[in-house]
Amino acid sequence: MEINLYLGETKTHLNYFTDFFTLQNIRFKIYSSYFGNRININIDSNKIYLLSSHICKFILDFFIKEAVVSKIYDEYPLIDTVKAGEILSELSEKITASPINNSIYNIINEHHSFNPSSYVMFNMKSIMTCAYFLTDQLCQKYVCEIEKEMIVSLLSQYNVEISEILDYDNENN
């Protein structure tokens, strides 16, 4: 199946996809078009889902990552930079199994072309709703783990202090 991807003028966008296509042994050619760089790829129909998943990661990396990171830091003060990085990594995988991926898959399958910038522009509300929902799920999981660790630490510290008090009382009686 022949598919056209319209990626604009940005070299990093182009490299993101050409590196992927090279790793996946997908044949491609780069052309100039009205929308900037156009990549024409020849892909087996069974690899379209892999392509749409990669496009989801691309959208996260290049269009919405800063908004997601801001949400994490604004709404979840217990999460540090290390945990935020883990959340972004997990989000990158979860977003490939989301309705966004299904939508992209259907567009590519039906029209044999895709423009990520246009897709983001015209579907920003649904993309952000999905990304924020997944981010909230992941953050809440991490916050629960952090709170549990804090409670265990507090209880163990409390246990030590109680033991010291009991030992002191026993020594003085």
Protein backbone atom coordinates (compact mmCIF):
# COMPACT_ATOMS: atom_id res chain seq x y z
CA MET A 1 0.00 0.00 0.00
CA GLU A 2 1.28 3.45 -0.87
CA ILE A 3 0.85 6.18 1.76
CA ASN A 4 1.80 9.85 1.79
CA LEU A 5 2.79 11.61 5.01
CA TYR A 6 2.93 15.40 5.02
CA LEU A 7 5.40 16.55 7.67
CA GLY A 8 6.01 20.24 7.05
CA GLU A 9 9.42 21.87 6.78
CA THR A 10 10.92 20.75 10.10
CA LYS A 11 14.01 18.57 9.75
CA THR A 12 13.45 16.88 13.15
CA HIS A 13 9.98 15.75 12.06
CA LEU A 14 11.43 14.31 8.89
CA ASN A 15 14.23 12.54 10.77
CA TYR A 16 11.76 11.12 13.32
CA PHE A 17 9.97 9.26 10.54
CA THR A 18 12.86 8.39 8.25
CA ASP A 19 14.74 6.81 11.17
CA PHE A 20 11.63 4.79 12.01
CA PHE A 21 11.11 3.68 8.42
CA THR A 22 14.76 2.67 8.13
CA LEU A 23 14.55 0.58 11.33
CA GLN A 24 11.34 -1.08 10.14
CA ASN A 25 12.67 -1.74 6.62
CA ILE A 26 9.89 0.33 5.08
CA ARG A 27 10.70 1.79 1.67
CA PHE A 28 10.23 5.54 1.41
CA LYS A 29 10.97 8.54 -0.79
CA ILE A 30 11.03 12.17 0.25
CA TYR A 31 9.45 14.84 -1.94
CA SER A 32 8.81 18.54 -1.65
CA SER A 33 5.15 19.54 -1.59
CA TYR A 34 2.85 22.42 -0.80
CA PHE A 35 2.77 21.24 2.83
CA GLY A 36 6.57 20.95 3.07
CA ASN A 37 8.19 17.54 3.14
CA ARG A 38 6.12 14.67 1.87
CA ILE A 39 7.21 11.11 2.49
CA ASN A 40 5.84 8.51 0.16
CA ILE A 41 6.03 5.07 1.75
CA ASN A 42 5.27 1.58 0.55
CA ILE A 43 3.96 -0.41 3.47
CA ASP A 44 2.22 -3.70 3.98
CA SER A 45 -1.34 -3.26 5.16
CA ASN A 46 -0.52 -5.26 8.29
CA LYS A 47 1.99 -2.55 9.31
CA ILE A 48 -0.45 0.36 9.17
CA TYR A 49 -1.24 -0.07 12.87
CA LEU A 50 2.49 0.15 13.62
CA LEU A 51 2.65 3.37 11.58
CA SER A 52 -0.37 4.88 13.34
CA SER A 53 1.17 3.99 16.71
CA HIS A 54 4.37 5.76 15.72
CA ILE A 55 2.36 8.80 14.65
CA CYS A 56 0.69 8.84 18.10
CA LYS A 57 4.11 8.94 19.74
CA PHE A 58 5.13 11.68 17.30
CA ILE A 59 2.09 13.77 18.28
CA LEU A 60 2.93 13.32 21.95
CA ASP A 61 6.61 14.16 21.46
CA PHE A 62 6.23 17.17 19.17
CA PHE A 63 2.83 18.68 19.89
CA ILE A 64 1.51 17.97 23.39
CA LYS A 65 4.43 16.93 25.61
CA GLU A 66 4.85 20.38 27.17
CA ALA A 67 1.15 20.59 28.03
CA VAL A 68 1.27 17.13 29.63
CA VAL A 69 4.39 17.98 31.63
CA SER A 70 2.77 21.23 32.80
CA LYS A 71 -0.29 19.30 33.91
CA ILE A 72 1.85 16.86 35.89
CA TYR A 73 3.78 19.59 37.70
CA ASP A 74 0.73 21.83 38.26
CA GLU A 75 -1.65 19.17 39.55
CA TYR A 76 0.60 16.54 41.17
CA PRO A 77 3.17 18.21 43.46
CA LEU A 78 4.37 14.86 44.88
CA ILE A 79 5.69 13.81 41.49
CA ASP A 80 9.33 14.71 40.85
CA THR A 81 11.19 14.91 37.55
CA VAL A 82 12.21 11.24 37.60
CA LYS A 83 8.62 10.08 38.09
CA ALA A 84 7.40 12.60 35.49
CA GLY A 85 9.82 11.06 32.99
CA GLU A 86 8.50 7.59 33.81
CA ILE A 87 4.94 8.84 33.36
CA LEU A 88 5.79 10.32 29.94
CA SER A 89 7.39 7.05 28.92
CA GLU A 90 4.33 5.07 29.99
CA LEU A 91 2.04 7.62 28.36
CA SER A 92 3.93 7.15 25.11
CA GLU A 93 2.99 3.47 25.18
CA LYS A 94 -0.58 3.93 26.44
CA ILE A 95 -1.43 6.54 23.82
CA THR A 96 -0.76 3.97 21.10
CA ALA A 97 -3.69 1.91 22.43
CA SER A 98 -6.04 4.88 22.62
CA PRO A 99 -8.89 6.17 20.44
CA ILE A 100 -6.36 8.59 18.91
CA ASN A 101 -4.50 5.66 17.37
CA ASN A 102 -7.73 4.15 16.08
CA SER A 103 -8.68 7.46 14.48
CA ILE A 104 -5.28 7.84 12.79
CA TYR A 105 -5.37 4.22 11.64
CA ASN A 106 -8.80 4.73 10.04
CA ILE A 107 -7.72 7.92 8.26
CA ILE A 108 -4.58 6.29 6.85
CA ASN A 109 -6.44 3.15 5.86
CA GLU A 110 -9.18 5.11 4.10
CA HIS A 111 -7.29 8.02 2.51
CA HIS A 112 -3.76 6.61 2.12
CA SER A 113 -2.35 9.92 3.37
CA PHE A 114 -1.91 11.75 6.65
CA ASN A 115 -0.87 15.21 7.81
CA PRO A 116 -0.05 15.15 11.55
CA SER A 117 -0.15 18.95 11.94
CA SER A 118 -3.60 19.22 10.40
CA TYR A 119 -4.83 16.28 12.43
CA VAL A 120 -3.65 17.90 15.67
CA MET A 121 -5.11 21.27 14.72
CA PHE A 122 -8.57 19.89 13.95
CA ASN A 123 -8.67 17.30 16.74
CA MET A 124 -6.93 19.14 19.58
CA LYS A 125 -9.86 18.78 22.00
CA SER A 126 -10.15 15.01 21.65
CA ILE A 127 -6.35 14.54 21.67
CA MET A 128 -5.91 16.58 24.85
CA THR A 129 -8.90 14.95 26.54
CA CYS A 130 -7.44 11.52 25.88
CA ALA A 131 -3.89 12.52 26.82
CA TYR A 132 -5.02 14.20 30.04
CA PHE A 133 -7.21 11.24 30.98
CA LEU A 134 -4.29 8.83 30.53
CA THR A 135 -1.94 11.23 32.35
CA ASP A 136 -4.34 11.46 35.30
CA GLN A 137 -4.54 7.67 35.50
CA LEU A 138 -0.77 7.30 35.53
CA CYS A 139 -0.21 10.18 37.96
CA GLN A 140 -2.81 8.89 40.39
CA LYS A 141 -1.13 5.49 40.34
CA TYR A 142 2.25 7.06 41.13
CA VAL A 143 0.80 9.36 43.80
CA CYS A 144 -0.78 6.35 45.53
CA GLU A 145 2.58 4.58 45.49
CA ILE A 146 4.35 7.67 46.86
CA GLU A 147 1.74 8.13 49.60
CA LYS A 148 1.99 4.46 50.53
CA GLU A 149 5.79 4.77 50.82
CA MET A 150 5.37 7.87 52.96
CA ILE A 151 2.91 6.10 55.29
CA VAL A 152 5.19 3.08 55.63
CA SER A 153 8.11 5.39 56.39
CA LEU A 154 6.06 7.30 58.94
CA LEU A 155 4.86 4.10 60.61
CA SER A 156 8.34 2.64 60.77
CA GLN A 157 9.64 5.89 62.27
CA TYR A 158 6.74 5.90 64.73
CA ASN A 159 7.47 2.26 65.58
CA VAL A 160 11.12 3.09 66.35
CA GLU A 161 10.12 6.02 68.57
CA ILE A 162 7.53 3.92 70.44
CA SER A 163 10.14 1.18 70.93
CA GLU A 164 12.60 3.72 72.33
CA ILE A 165 9.95 5.08 74.73
CA LEU A 166 9.02 1.59 75.86
CA ASP A 167 12.68 0.68 76.32
CA TYR A 168 13.22 3.85 78.35
CA ASP A 169 10.16 3.12 80.50
CA ASN A 170 11.32 -0.47 81.08
CA GLU A 171 14.79 0.69 82.10
CA ASN A 172 13.39 3.20 84.59
CA ASN A 173 10.94 0.80 86.24
